[in-house]
Amino acid sequence: MVPIDKHPKIVEKKNHIENFEIDTVIELNHVGALITVVDRKSKFKLIKKVISKYAKEVTKALIDIWTNKHTNTLVQQYLPKKVILHKYRRKKW
């Protein structure tokens, strides 16, 4: 990850999808937090609650977010948006 003040100038133009901004929103008692990930161009947002603001928990949450985002991206390649799922038959694997 790169601090905001070290971002290349091209990132500020917001011309590319998948230039993400990652931040934390710390709970009042400084124990729990929210991890927020925002795509700078599309404004697509991912948010995950964590029980601790410490690096180990935040890193795990980020990995979970990316895994889920990647999975959803793959699904979207095969199913159109606003799909009615009951129209599809269940395949036996």
Protein backbone atom coordinates (compact mmCIF):
# COMPACT_ATOMS: atom_id res chain seq x y z
CA MET A 1 0.00 0.00 0.00
CA VAL A 2 1.10 3.52 -0.75
CA PRO A 3 0.33 6.53 1.47
CA ILE A 4 -1.95 9.10 -0.18
CA ASP A 5 0.78 11.74 -0.37
CA LYS A 6 2.98 9.27 -2.32
CA HIS A 7 0.35 8.33 -4.95
CA PRO A 8 1.37 8.86 -8.57
CA LYS A 9 -0.35 11.89 -10.14
CA ILE A 10 -2.27 9.60 -12.54
CA VAL A 11 -4.18 8.12 -9.58
CA GLU A 12 -5.61 11.56 -8.76
CA LYS A 13 -7.21 11.72 -12.22
CA LYS A 14 -9.41 8.74 -11.32
CA ASN A 15 -9.26 7.36 -14.88
CA HIS A 16 -8.67 3.75 -13.92
CA ILE A 17 -10.82 1.24 -12.12
CA GLU A 18 -9.11 -0.65 -9.31
CA ASN A 19 -7.22 2.28 -7.86
CA PHE A 20 -8.42 1.61 -4.33
CA GLU A 21 -8.38 3.78 -1.27
CA ILE A 22 -8.30 1.82 1.99
CA ASP A 23 -9.09 3.31 5.37
CA THR A 24 -10.26 2.40 8.85
CA VAL A 25 -13.09 3.85 10.91
CA ILE A 26 -12.17 3.27 14.55
CA GLU A 27 -14.86 2.50 17.11
CA LEU A 28 -15.39 4.96 19.98
CA ASN A 29 -13.64 2.72 22.53
CA HIS A 30 -10.75 2.07 20.08
CA VAL A 31 -11.30 -1.70 20.05
CA GLY A 32 -13.29 -2.53 16.93
CA ALA A 33 -13.22 -0.86 13.54
CA LEU A 34 -14.57 -0.85 10.01
CA ILE A 35 -12.25 -1.40 7.09
CA THR A 36 -13.38 0.58 4.05
CA VAL A 37 -12.16 0.00 0.50
CA VAL A 38 -13.33 2.41 -2.21
CA ASP A 39 -12.56 2.30 -5.92
CA ARG A 40 -11.60 5.88 -6.78
CA LYS A 41 -13.25 5.83 -10.24
CA SER A 42 -16.39 3.74 -9.88
CA LYS A 43 -16.96 4.58 -6.18
CA PHE A 44 -17.57 0.85 -5.60
CA LYS A 45 -17.33 0.26 -1.87
CA LEU A 46 -16.42 -2.71 0.28
CA ILE A 47 -16.81 -2.51 4.05
CA LYS A 48 -15.94 -5.10 6.67
CA LYS A 49 -16.28 -4.95 10.43
CA VAL A 50 -13.27 -6.13 12.44
CA ILE A 51 -13.02 -6.87 16.15
CA SER A 52 -9.60 -5.26 16.45
CA LYS A 53 -7.85 -2.34 14.77
CA TYR A 54 -4.50 -4.13 14.86
CA ALA A 55 -2.60 -5.16 11.74
CA LYS A 56 -3.23 -8.92 11.97
CA GLU A 57 -7.02 -8.49 12.07
CA VAL A 58 -7.07 -5.72 9.45
CA THR A 59 -4.88 -7.74 7.06
CA LYS A 60 -7.14 -10.78 7.43
CA ALA A 61 -10.20 -8.61 6.74
CA LEU A 62 -8.59 -7.17 3.61
CA ILE A 63 -7.79 -10.66 2.31
CA ASP A 64 -11.43 -11.67 2.97
CA ILE A 65 -12.68 -8.59 1.12
CA TRP A 66 -10.48 -9.25 -1.93
CA THR A 67 -11.42 -12.92 -2.06
CA ASN A 68 -15.12 -12.08 -2.00
CA LYS A 69 -14.71 -9.26 -4.54
CA HIS A 70 -12.79 -11.56 -6.86
CA THR A 71 -15.48 -14.24 -6.56
CA ASN A 72 -18.25 -11.75 -7.27
CA THR A 73 -16.35 -10.45 -10.30
CA LEU A 74 -16.13 -13.98 -11.69
CA VAL A 75 -19.84 -14.59 -11.13
CA GLN A 76 -20.69 -11.33 -12.91
CA GLN A 77 -18.87 -12.56 -16.02
CA TYR A 78 -21.46 -15.33 -16.39
CA LEU A 79 -24.64 -13.84 -14.95
CA PRO A 80 -26.05 -10.52 -16.12
CA LYS A 81 -26.90 -7.79 -13.62
CA LYS A 82 -30.43 -7.92 -12.22
CA VAL A 83 -30.61 -11.63 -13.03
CA ILE A 84 -33.59 -13.67 -11.87
CA LEU A 85 -31.84 -16.69 -10.41
CA HIS A 86 -34.80 -19.08 -10.30
CA LYS A 87 -34.74 -19.16 -14.13
CA TYR A 88 -31.47 -21.08 -14.01
CA ARG A 89 -31.43 -24.80 -13.42
CA ARG A 90 -29.14 -26.24 -10.82
CA LYS A 91 -26.31 -28.23 -12.39
CA LYS A 92 -25.09 -31.43 -10.83
CA TRP A 93 -21.34 -31.26 -10.37
